Amino acid sequence: MKIADILDAKGRTVHWILPWKSAADAVARLEQLGVGALVVCDGEQRMVGIVSERDLIRGLAHRGANLLDVRVDEIMTHTVGTARLDEPIASAMARMTRDRFRHLPVLERGQLVGMVSIGDLVKARLRELELETGVLRDVYIAAH
């Protein structure tokens, strides 16, 4: 199973925010959308970073309540791992685990085409394992 399969099932909507918006704006948008991260895009919708709940918590720990007035580009993660549509789920999961991030923007020819979370990948992998288990059970039953 590939990243494209997940996006085909869940959709390709990417939620984003502008870098000059405030952390308070990011918090409100995360809450409104019910997501854990926003891609940070410049005025031409090019990805320049990502801001996640984790970034906001770290910012709160360092800046206290003043965090809410800070620009998103001051607290976002600047170096963002990405995935390809044709990337196997297992590969993306291994990288997310190794690098300790939970959201992965998906690029196709340099363009942002979707975002997957570790939860999306785990859910897809579980479906894959259930299917494999069912096939093995059917083969075993047919053989006996």
Protein backbone atom coordinates (compact mmCIF):
# COMPACT_ATOMS: atom_id res chain seq x y z
CA MET A 1 0.00 0.00 0.00
CA LYS A 2 1.24 3.48 -0.91
CA ILE A 3 0.71 7.00 0.44
CA ALA A 4 -1.51 7.73 -2.59
CA ASP A 5 -3.90 4.99 -1.42
CA ILE A 6 -4.37 6.75 1.91
CA LEU A 7 -4.98 10.11 0.26
CA ASP A 8 -7.45 8.53 -2.16
CA ALA A 9 -9.45 7.30 0.84
CA LYS A 10 -9.18 10.32 3.16
CA GLY A 11 -8.94 13.16 0.67
CA ARG A 12 -6.19 15.53 -0.34
CA THR A 13 -7.19 18.64 1.54
CA VAL A 14 -4.19 20.36 3.11
CA HIS A 15 -4.87 22.78 5.94
CA TRP A 16 -2.40 25.64 6.02
CA ILE A 17 -1.63 28.97 7.63
CA LEU A 18 0.42 32.01 6.65
CA PRO A 19 3.76 32.52 8.46
CA TRP A 20 2.90 36.02 9.68
CA LYS A 21 -0.26 34.88 11.45
CA SER A 22 -0.09 34.63 15.24
CA ALA A 23 0.22 31.51 17.34
CA ALA A 24 -3.27 32.35 18.64
CA ASP A 25 -4.53 32.16 15.04
CA ALA A 26 -2.83 28.76 14.65
CA VAL A 27 -4.41 27.46 17.87
CA ALA A 28 -7.85 28.63 16.75
CA ARG A 29 -7.45 27.08 13.31
CA LEU A 30 -6.21 23.73 14.72
CA GLU A 31 -9.21 23.63 17.06
CA GLN A 32 -11.69 24.67 14.36
CA LEU A 33 -10.44 22.03 11.93
CA GLY A 34 -9.81 19.30 14.52
CA VAL A 35 -6.31 18.62 13.20
CA GLY A 36 -2.90 18.39 14.88
CA ALA A 37 -0.77 20.37 12.41
CA LEU A 38 -0.93 23.04 9.74
CA VAL A 39 1.41 23.45 6.82
CA VAL A 40 2.90 26.94 6.85
CA CYS A 41 2.78 28.42 3.34
CA ASP A 42 4.00 31.74 1.97
CA GLY A 43 1.86 34.10 -0.12
CA GLU A 44 2.28 31.87 -3.20
CA GLN A 45 1.22 28.75 -1.26
CA ARG A 46 4.74 27.30 -1.17
CA MET A 47 5.49 25.26 1.95
CA VAL A 48 7.94 27.02 4.29
CA GLY A 49 7.37 24.93 7.42
CA ILE A 50 4.83 23.18 9.59
CA VAL A 51 3.31 24.15 12.92
CA SER A 52 1.99 21.40 15.15
CA GLU A 53 0.50 21.06 18.59
CA ARG A 54 3.98 20.02 19.73
CA ASP A 55 5.49 23.28 18.41
CA LEU A 56 2.87 25.25 20.29
CA ILE A 57 3.49 23.37 23.54
CA ARG A 58 7.24 23.95 23.24
CA GLY A 59 6.59 27.62 22.53
CA LEU A 60 4.34 27.84 25.58
CA ALA A 61 7.03 26.26 27.74
CA HIS A 62 9.62 28.82 26.57
CA ARG A 63 7.49 31.97 26.19
CA GLY A 64 4.52 31.46 28.49
CA ALA A 65 1.29 33.30 27.67
CA ASN A 66 3.23 35.67 25.39
CA LEU A 67 3.30 32.82 22.89
CA LEU A 68 -0.14 33.75 21.62
CA ASP A 69 1.19 36.99 20.13
CA VAL A 70 4.23 35.38 18.45
CA ARG A 71 4.26 34.89 14.69
CA VAL A 72 3.85 31.32 13.45
CA ASP A 73 7.21 31.45 11.61
CA GLU A 74 8.96 32.01 14.95
CA ILE A 75 7.72 28.74 16.43
CA MET A 76 7.15 26.48 13.41
CA THR A 77 9.36 23.57 12.42
CA HIS A 78 11.43 24.83 9.50
CA THR A 79 12.87 21.53 8.26
CA VAL A 80 9.93 19.42 7.19
CA GLY A 81 10.06 15.79 6.16
CA THR A 82 7.83 15.00 3.20
CA ALA A 83 6.48 11.92 1.45
CA ARG A 84 5.87 10.98 -2.16
CA LEU A 85 2.61 9.59 -3.50
CA ASP A 86 4.35 6.37 -4.54
CA GLU A 87 6.10 5.89 -1.18
CA PRO A 88 5.22 2.67 0.67
CA ILE A 89 3.41 3.17 3.97
CA ALA A 90 6.03 1.15 5.87
CA SER A 91 8.78 3.48 4.66
CA ALA A 92 6.90 6.61 5.75
CA MET A 93 6.06 5.04 9.12
CA ALA A 94 9.70 4.13 9.75
CA ARG A 95 10.85 7.67 8.95
CA MET A 96 8.17 9.27 11.11
CA THR A 97 9.11 7.01 14.01
CA ARG A 98 12.84 7.58 13.57
CA ASP A 99 12.58 11.37 13.21
CA ARG A 100 9.81 11.71 15.83
CA PHE A 101 7.17 13.61 13.91
CA ARG A 102 3.51 12.84 13.46
CA HIS A 103 2.52 14.69 10.28
CA LEU A 104 3.95 14.30 6.82
CA PRO A 105 3.12 16.64 3.93
CA VAL A 106 2.93 14.83 0.59
CA LEU A 107 4.56 16.32 -2.50
CA GLU A 108 4.17 15.52 -6.17
CA ARG A 109 6.59 17.28 -8.52
CA GLY A 110 7.33 19.80 -5.79
CA GLN A 111 3.65 20.63 -5.22
CA LEU A 112 1.81 20.01 -1.97
CA VAL A 113 -0.90 17.42 -2.70
CA GLY A 114 -1.89 16.13 0.72
CA MET A 115 -0.91 15.38 4.29
CA VAL A 116 -0.89 12.16 6.27
CA SER A 117 -0.59 11.60 9.99
CA ILE A 118 0.92 8.70 11.85
CA GLY A 119 -2.66 7.74 12.75
CA ASP A 120 -3.57 7.55 9.04
CA LEU A 121 -0.59 5.29 8.41
CA VAL A 122 -1.28 3.01 11.37
CA LYS A 123 -4.94 2.65 10.38
CA ALA A 124 -3.98 1.78 6.79
CA ARG A 125 -1.33 -0.69 7.94
CA LEU A 126 -3.83 -2.41 10.26
CA ARG A 127 -6.29 -2.78 7.36
CA GLU A 128 -3.46 -4.24 5.28
CA LEU A 129 -2.58 -6.74 8.03
CA GLU A 130 -6.23 -7.73 8.50
CA LEU A 131 -6.50 -8.43 4.78
CA GLU A 132 -3.29 -10.50 4.81
CA THR A 133 -4.52 -12.46 7.85
CA GLY A 134 -7.83 -13.17 6.12
CA VAL A 135 -6.08 -14.44 3.00
CA LEU A 136 -3.77 -16.68 5.04
CA ARG A 137 -6.73 -18.04 7.01
CA ASP A 138 -8.62 -18.81 3.78
CA VAL A 139 -5.58 -20.55 2.28
CA TYR A 140 -5.10 -22.60 5.46
CA ILE A 141 -8.77 -23.63 5.54
CA ALA A 142 -8.75 -24.53 1.85
CA ALA A 143 -5.62 -26.63 2.31
CA HIS A 144 -7.09 -28.72 5.14
